Amino acid sequence: MTRLLLLAALFVIGLATGLLGAFVQASRLVTTWPWGQLVVPWGVALVVLLLLVLIRGGAWLLRSRLGAWSVLTGWLLGTIVMSTPSPSGDLLLAGGTRQWVYLLGGVILGAAVATFPVIESQSRLR
């Protein structure tokens, strides 16, 4: 019973990360240099890094890859919801480069991190 509650909680955490990440990923820092502007998309890096940490945390919490996949599934559902147009025609995740890096980077890196096995520490094996 507690395992199912933990899975549901991890799914909700992933869902909230996907919903909020759609807003944060658009953040960027624009600095002006003598040779032009430098745009640093810190929002994308922050959200993808947070997603990867949450995925590994879910795996370690349940000591199973199922916890990692629960977080990733929640994030994916939240991201899909935010990338579909609303009835008024608004779209939160458009087709720009930053948004594609967020979507594809999150899916590819998230799936890679979720497939890593959970290794017990040496002290627990003895």
N, C-alpha and C. Protein backbone atom coordinates (compact mmCIF):
# COMPACT_ATOMS: atom_id res chain seq x y z
N MET A 1 0.82 -1.19 0.00
CA MET A 1 0.00 0.00 0.00
C MET A 1 0.87 1.26 0.00
N THR A 2 1.90 1.27 0.84
CA THR A 2 2.76 2.44 0.88
C THR A 2 3.55 2.60 -0.41
N ARG A 3 3.87 1.48 -1.05
CA ARG A 3 4.58 1.56 -2.34
C ARG A 3 3.72 2.22 -3.41
N LEU A 4 2.42 1.90 -3.42
CA LEU A 4 1.51 2.53 -4.38
C LEU A 4 1.36 4.02 -4.09
N LEU A 5 1.31 4.38 -2.83
CA LEU A 5 1.23 5.80 -2.48
C LEU A 5 2.49 6.55 -2.88
N LEU A 6 3.64 5.92 -2.70
CA LEU A 6 4.89 6.54 -3.13
C LEU A 6 4.94 6.69 -4.65
N LEU A 7 4.47 5.69 -5.37
CA LEU A 7 4.42 5.79 -6.83
C LEU A 7 3.50 6.92 -7.28
N ALA A 8 2.35 7.03 -6.63
CA ALA A 8 1.42 8.10 -6.97
C ALA A 8 2.02 9.47 -6.63
N ALA A 9 2.71 9.57 -5.50
CA ALA A 9 3.34 10.83 -5.13
C ALA A 9 4.45 11.20 -6.10
N LEU A 10 5.23 10.24 -6.53
CA LEU A 10 6.29 10.50 -7.51
C LEU A 10 5.70 10.92 -8.85
N PHE A 11 4.58 10.31 -9.24
CA PHE A 11 3.90 10.71 -10.47
C PHE A 11 3.42 12.15 -10.38
N VAL A 12 2.85 12.53 -9.25
CA VAL A 12 2.36 13.91 -9.06
C VAL A 12 3.53 14.89 -9.06
N ILE A 13 4.65 14.51 -8.46
CA ILE A 13 5.84 15.37 -8.47
C ILE A 13 6.32 15.58 -9.90
N GLY A 14 6.35 14.51 -10.69
CA GLY A 14 6.73 14.63 -12.10
C GLY A 14 5.75 15.47 -12.88
N LEU A 15 4.46 15.32 -12.60
CA LEU A 15 3.42 16.11 -13.26
C LEU A 15 3.58 17.59 -12.95
N ALA A 16 3.81 17.91 -11.68
CA ALA A 16 4.01 19.31 -11.29
C ALA A 16 5.28 19.88 -11.93
N THR A 17 6.31 19.07 -12.02
CA THR A 17 7.55 19.53 -12.67
C THR A 17 7.31 19.81 -14.15
N GLY A 18 6.53 18.99 -14.80
CA GLY A 18 6.21 19.22 -16.21
C GLY A 18 5.37 20.46 -16.42
N LEU A 19 4.39 20.67 -15.53
CA LEU A 19 3.54 21.85 -15.66
C LEU A 19 4.30 23.14 -15.38
N LEU A 20 5.07 23.15 -14.31
CA LEU A 20 5.84 24.35 -13.96
C LEU A 20 7.05 24.54 -14.86
N GLY A 21 7.62 23.46 -15.33
CA GLY A 21 8.79 23.54 -16.19
C GLY A 21 8.48 24.18 -17.53
N ALA A 22 7.23 24.08 -17.98
CA ALA A 22 6.85 24.72 -19.23
C ALA A 22 6.97 26.24 -19.13
N PHE A 23 6.78 26.78 -17.95
CA PHE A 23 6.94 28.22 -17.75
C PHE A 23 8.40 28.61 -17.53
N VAL A 24 9.10 27.83 -16.72
CA VAL A 24 10.48 28.18 -16.35
C VAL A 24 11.44 27.99 -17.51
N GLN A 25 11.19 27.04 -18.40
CA GLN A 25 12.11 26.77 -19.50
C GLN A 25 12.28 27.96 -20.44
N ALA A 26 11.34 28.88 -20.44
CA ALA A 26 11.44 30.04 -21.31
C ALA A 26 12.37 31.12 -20.76
N SER A 27 12.82 30.98 -19.53
CA SER A 27 13.69 32.00 -18.92
C SER A 27 15.07 31.96 -19.56
N ARG A 28 15.59 33.15 -19.77
CA ARG A 28 16.92 33.25 -20.37
C ARG A 28 17.57 34.54 -19.92
N LEU A 29 18.86 34.57 -20.04
CA LEU A 29 19.65 35.74 -19.68
C LEU A 29 20.28 36.27 -20.96
N VAL A 30 20.03 37.54 -21.25
CA VAL A 30 20.58 38.16 -22.45
C VAL A 30 21.61 39.18 -22.00
N THR A 31 22.84 38.99 -22.41
CA THR A 31 23.89 39.96 -22.09
C THR A 31 24.46 40.52 -23.39
N THR A 32 24.84 41.77 -23.33
CA THR A 32 25.38 42.44 -24.50
C THR A 32 26.89 42.52 -24.40
N TRP A 33 27.55 42.06 -25.44
CA TRP A 33 29.00 42.09 -25.54
C TRP A 33 29.37 43.03 -26.68
N PRO A 34 30.61 43.43 -26.77
CA PRO A 34 30.99 44.31 -27.89
C PRO A 34 30.77 43.67 -29.27
N TRP A 35 30.81 42.37 -29.36
CA TRP A 35 30.65 41.69 -30.64
C TRP A 35 29.23 41.17 -30.86
N GLY A 36 28.33 41.39 -29.92
CA GLY A 36 26.94 40.97 -30.09
C GLY A 36 26.31 40.57 -28.77
N GLN A 37 25.17 39.93 -28.89
CA GLN A 37 24.45 39.48 -27.70
C GLN A 37 24.72 38.01 -27.44
N LEU A 38 24.75 37.68 -26.16
CA LEU A 38 24.89 36.30 -25.73
C LEU A 38 23.62 35.93 -24.97
N VAL A 39 22.95 34.89 -25.43
CA VAL A 39 21.71 34.44 -24.80
C VAL A 39 21.99 33.12 -24.09
N VAL A 40 21.76 33.10 -22.78
CA VAL A 40 21.99 31.90 -21.97
C VAL A 40 20.62 31.37 -21.53
N PRO A 41 20.20 30.21 -22.05
CA PRO A 41 18.89 29.66 -21.68
C PRO A 41 18.96 28.91 -20.34
N TRP A 42 19.05 29.63 -19.26
CA TRP A 42 19.23 29.01 -17.94
C TRP A 42 17.99 28.26 -17.50
N GLY A 43 16.82 28.62 -17.98
CA GLY A 43 15.59 27.93 -17.59
C GLY A 43 15.57 26.48 -18.07
N VAL A 44 16.00 26.27 -19.30
CA VAL A 44 16.04 24.90 -19.84
C VAL A 44 17.01 24.05 -19.04
N ALA A 45 18.18 24.58 -18.80
CA ALA A 45 19.19 23.82 -18.06
C ALA A 45 18.71 23.50 -16.65
N LEU A 46 18.07 24.46 -16.00
CA LEU A 46 17.60 24.26 -14.63
C LEU A 46 16.51 23.20 -14.56
N VAL A 47 15.54 23.27 -15.46
CA VAL A 47 14.43 22.32 -15.41
C VAL A 47 14.88 20.91 -15.79
N VAL A 48 15.72 20.78 -16.80
CA VAL A 48 16.19 19.44 -17.19
C VAL A 48 17.06 18.84 -16.08
N LEU A 49 17.91 19.65 -15.47
CA LEU A 49 18.72 19.16 -14.35
C LEU A 49 17.84 18.75 -13.17
N LEU A 50 16.83 19.54 -12.86
CA LEU A 50 15.90 19.19 -11.78
C LEU A 50 15.17 17.89 -12.11
N LEU A 51 14.77 17.74 -13.36
CA LEU A 51 14.08 16.51 -13.77
C LEU A 51 14.97 15.29 -13.58
N LEU A 52 16.22 15.40 -13.98
CA LEU A 52 17.14 14.26 -13.83
C LEU A 52 17.37 13.91 -12.36
N VAL A 53 17.49 14.92 -11.51
CA VAL A 53 17.66 14.66 -10.08
C VAL A 53 16.41 14.01 -9.49
N LEU A 54 15.24 14.47 -9.89
CA LEU A 54 14.00 13.88 -9.39
C LEU A 54 13.83 12.44 -9.86
N ILE A 55 14.23 12.16 -11.09
CA ILE A 55 14.12 10.79 -11.61
C ILE A 55 15.02 9.85 -10.80
N ARG A 56 16.27 10.24 -10.58
CA ARG A 56 17.16 9.38 -9.78
C ARG A 56 16.69 9.29 -8.33
N GLY A 57 16.17 10.39 -7.81
CA GLY A 57 15.63 10.37 -6.45
C GLY A 57 14.46 9.41 -6.32
N GLY A 58 13.60 9.37 -7.33
CA GLY A 58 12.48 8.43 -7.32
C GLY A 58 12.95 6.99 -7.37
N ALA A 59 14.01 6.75 -8.15
CA ALA A 59 14.55 5.38 -8.22
C ALA A 59 15.17 4.98 -6.89
N TRP A 60 15.89 5.89 -6.27
CA TRP A 60 16.53 5.57 -4.99
C TRP A 60 15.51 5.44 -3.86
N LEU A 61 14.43 6.24 -3.93
CA LEU A 61 13.41 6.18 -2.89
C LEU A 61 12.72 4.82 -2.87
N LEU A 62 12.37 4.32 -4.05
CA LEU A 62 11.70 3.02 -4.12
C LEU A 62 12.66 1.85 -4.29
N ARG A 63 13.94 2.17 -4.49
CA ARG A 63 14.96 1.15 -4.77
C ARG A 63 14.56 0.31 -5.98
N SER A 64 13.99 1.01 -6.97
CA SER A 64 13.52 0.34 -8.18
C SER A 64 13.46 1.36 -9.31
N ARG A 65 13.60 0.88 -10.52
CA ARG A 65 13.47 1.77 -11.68
C ARG A 65 12.04 2.26 -11.85
N LEU A 66 11.10 1.56 -11.23
CA LEU A 66 9.71 1.94 -11.34
C LEU A 66 9.47 3.34 -10.78
N GLY A 67 10.17 3.72 -9.73
CA GLY A 67 10.06 5.07 -9.19
C GLY A 67 10.55 6.11 -10.17
N ALA A 68 11.62 5.80 -10.88
CA ALA A 68 12.16 6.73 -11.88
C ALA A 68 11.18 6.88 -13.03
N TRP A 69 10.63 5.79 -13.49
CA TRP A 69 9.69 5.86 -14.61
C TRP A 69 8.40 6.55 -14.22
N SER A 70 8.02 6.46 -12.95
CA SER A 70 6.82 7.15 -12.49
C SER A 70 7.01 8.67 -12.58
N VAL A 71 8.17 9.16 -12.16
CA VAL A 71 8.46 10.60 -12.26
C VAL A 71 8.50 11.02 -13.72
N LEU A 72 9.17 10.25 -14.55
CA LEU A 72 9.29 10.60 -15.97
C LEU A 72 7.94 10.60 -16.66
N THR A 73 7.08 9.65 -16.34
CA THR A 73 5.75 9.59 -16.93
C THR A 73 4.91 10.79 -16.52
N GLY A 74 4.99 11.18 -15.27
CA GLY A 74 4.28 12.38 -14.81
C GLY A 74 4.78 13.63 -15.51
N TRP A 75 6.09 13.76 -15.65
CA TRP A 75 6.66 14.92 -16.34
C TRP A 75 6.21 14.95 -17.79
N LEU A 76 6.23 13.79 -18.43
CA LEU A 76 5.85 13.72 -19.84
C LEU A 76 4.38 14.10 -20.02
N LEU A 77 3.51 13.65 -19.13
CA LEU A 77 2.10 13.99 -19.22
C LEU A 77 1.89 15.49 -19.02
N GLY A 78 2.56 16.06 -18.02
CA GLY A 78 2.45 17.50 -17.79
C GLY A 78 2.98 18.32 -18.95
N THR A 79 4.05 17.87 -19.57
CA THR A 79 4.62 18.57 -20.71
C THR A 79 3.72 18.46 -21.93
N ILE A 80 3.11 17.32 -22.14
CA ILE A 80 2.19 17.16 -23.27
C ILE A 80 0.97 18.05 -23.09
N VAL A 81 0.48 18.15 -21.86
CA VAL A 81 -0.66 19.03 -21.60
C VAL A 81 -0.31 20.48 -21.94
N MET A 82 0.88 20.90 -21.57
CA MET A 82 1.29 22.28 -21.83
C MET A 82 1.66 22.53 -23.29
N SER A 83 1.91 21.50 -24.06
CA SER A 83 2.29 21.71 -25.46
C SER A 83 1.10 21.61 -26.41
N THR A 84 -0.08 21.31 -25.89
CA THR A 84 -1.27 21.29 -26.74
C THR A 84 -1.95 22.66 -26.67
N PRO A 85 -2.49 23.13 -27.78
CA PRO A 85 -3.12 24.46 -27.76
C PRO A 85 -4.40 24.47 -26.93
N SER A 86 -4.63 25.58 -26.27
CA SER A 86 -5.85 25.75 -25.48
C SER A 86 -7.00 26.11 -26.42
N PRO A 87 -8.24 26.10 -25.93
CA PRO A 87 -9.37 26.46 -26.80
C PRO A 87 -9.26 27.88 -27.37
N SER A 88 -8.57 28.76 -26.67
CA SER A 88 -8.40 30.12 -27.18
C SER A 88 -7.25 30.23 -28.18
N GLY A 89 -6.51 29.13 -28.37
CA GLY A 89 -5.43 29.11 -29.35
C GLY A 89 -4.06 29.39 -28.76
N ASP A 90 -3.97 29.60 -27.45
CA ASP A 90 -2.68 29.86 -26.82
C ASP A 90 -1.87 28.57 -26.75
N LEU A 91 -0.58 28.73 -26.91
CA LEU A 91 0.33 27.59 -26.89
C LEU A 91 1.51 27.94 -26.01
N LEU A 92 1.76 27.16 -24.99
CA LEU A 92 2.83 27.47 -24.05
C LEU A 92 4.19 27.00 -24.55
N LEU A 93 4.24 25.82 -25.11
CA LEU A 93 5.49 25.30 -25.67
C LEU A 93 5.39 25.34 -27.19
N ALA A 94 5.96 26.35 -27.78
CA ALA A 94 5.92 26.51 -29.23
C ALA A 94 7.04 25.68 -29.86
N GLY A 95 7.32 25.90 -31.12
CA GLY A 95 8.29 25.10 -31.83
C GLY A 95 9.66 25.72 -31.95
N GLY A 96 10.08 26.55 -31.01
CA GLY A 96 11.40 27.16 -31.07
C GLY A 96 12.50 26.19 -30.66
N THR A 97 13.72 26.62 -30.87
CA THR A 97 14.87 25.78 -30.55
C THR A 97 14.94 25.46 -29.07
N ARG A 98 14.71 26.46 -28.23
CA ARG A 98 14.77 26.26 -26.78
C ARG A 98 13.72 25.25 -26.32
N GLN A 99 12.53 25.32 -26.90
CA GLN A 99 11.47 24.39 -26.53
C GLN A 99 11.78 22.97 -27.01
N TRP A 100 12.38 22.84 -28.18
CA TRP A 100 12.75 21.52 -28.67
C TRP A 100 13.86 20.91 -27.83
N VAL A 101 14.79 21.73 -27.40
CA VAL A 101 15.85 21.23 -26.51
C VAL A 101 15.24 20.76 -25.20
N TYR A 102 14.27 21.52 -24.69
CA TYR A 102 13.60 21.14 -23.44
C TYR A 102 12.86 19.81 -23.61
N LEU A 103 12.08 19.68 -24.68
CA LEU A 103 11.30 18.46 -24.88
C LEU A 103 12.17 17.24 -25.17
N LEU A 104 13.02 17.37 -26.18
CA LEU A 104 13.84 16.22 -26.56
C LEU A 104 14.92 15.92 -25.54
N GLY A 105 15.51 16.96 -24.98
CA GLY A 105 16.52 16.75 -23.93
C GLY A 105 15.92 16.08 -22.71
N GLY A 106 14.72 16.53 -22.32
CA GLY A 106 14.06 15.92 -21.17
C GLY A 106 13.70 14.47 -21.41
N VAL A 107 13.19 14.17 -22.60
CA VAL A 107 12.78 12.79 -22.90
C VAL A 107 14.00 11.88 -23.04
N ILE A 108 15.00 12.31 -23.81
CA ILE A 108 16.15 11.44 -24.05
C ILE A 108 16.99 11.26 -22.79
N LEU A 109 17.34 12.37 -22.13
CA LEU A 109 18.14 12.25 -20.90
C LEU A 109 17.34 11.60 -19.77
N GLY A 110 16.05 11.92 -19.69
CA GLY A 110 15.21 11.32 -18.66
C GLY A 110 15.09 9.81 -18.82
N ALA A 111 14.90 9.36 -20.06
CA ALA A 111 14.82 7.92 -20.30
C ALA A 111 16.15 7.24 -20.03
N ALA A 112 17.24 7.92 -20.37
CA ALA A 112 18.56 7.34 -20.10
C ALA A 112 18.81 7.21 -18.61
N VAL A 113 18.47 8.23 -17.85
CA VAL A 113 18.69 8.21 -16.40
C VAL A 113 17.74 7.22 -15.73
N ALA A 114 16.52 7.09 -16.25
CA ALA A 114 15.56 6.17 -15.65
C ALA A 114 15.94 4.71 -15.86
N THR A 115 16.73 4.42 -16.87
CA THR A 115 17.11 3.03 -17.13
C THR A 115 18.35 2.59 -16.35
N PHE A 116 19.05 3.53 -15.72
CA PHE A 116 20.19 3.14 -14.89
C PHE A 116 19.71 2.25 -13.75
N PRO A 117 20.43 1.18 -13.46
CA PRO A 117 20.01 0.32 -12.34
C PRO A 117 20.26 1.00 -11.00
N VAL A 118 19.48 0.62 -10.04
CA VAL A 118 19.67 1.12 -8.68
C VAL A 118 20.63 0.18 -7.98
N ILE A 119 21.79 0.69 -7.60
CA ILE A 119 22.83 -0.12 -6.97
C ILE A 119 22.79 0.14 -5.46
N GLU A 120 22.65 -0.92 -4.73
CA GLU A 120 22.68 -0.81 -3.28
C GLU A 120 24.09 -0.49 -2.81
N SER A 121 24.20 0.20 -1.71
CA SER A 121 25.55 0.51 -1.19
C SER A 121 26.22 -0.74 -0.69
N GLN A 122 27.53 -0.70 -0.58
CA GLN A 122 28.31 -1.86 -0.15
C GLN A 122 27.99 -2.25 1.29
N SER A 123 27.66 -1.28 2.12
CA SER A 123 27.39 -1.60 3.51
C SER A 123 26.09 -2.40 3.66
N ARG A 124 25.14 -2.22 2.78
CA ARG A 124 23.88 -2.96 2.86
C ARG A 124 24.01 -4.37 2.33
N LEU A 125 24.98 -4.58 1.47
CA LEU A 125 25.14 -5.92 0.89
C LEU A 125 25.76 -6.90 1.87
N ARG A 126 26.42 -6.42 2.86
CA ARG A 126 27.11 -7.32 3.80
C ARG A 126 26.23 -7.81 4.89
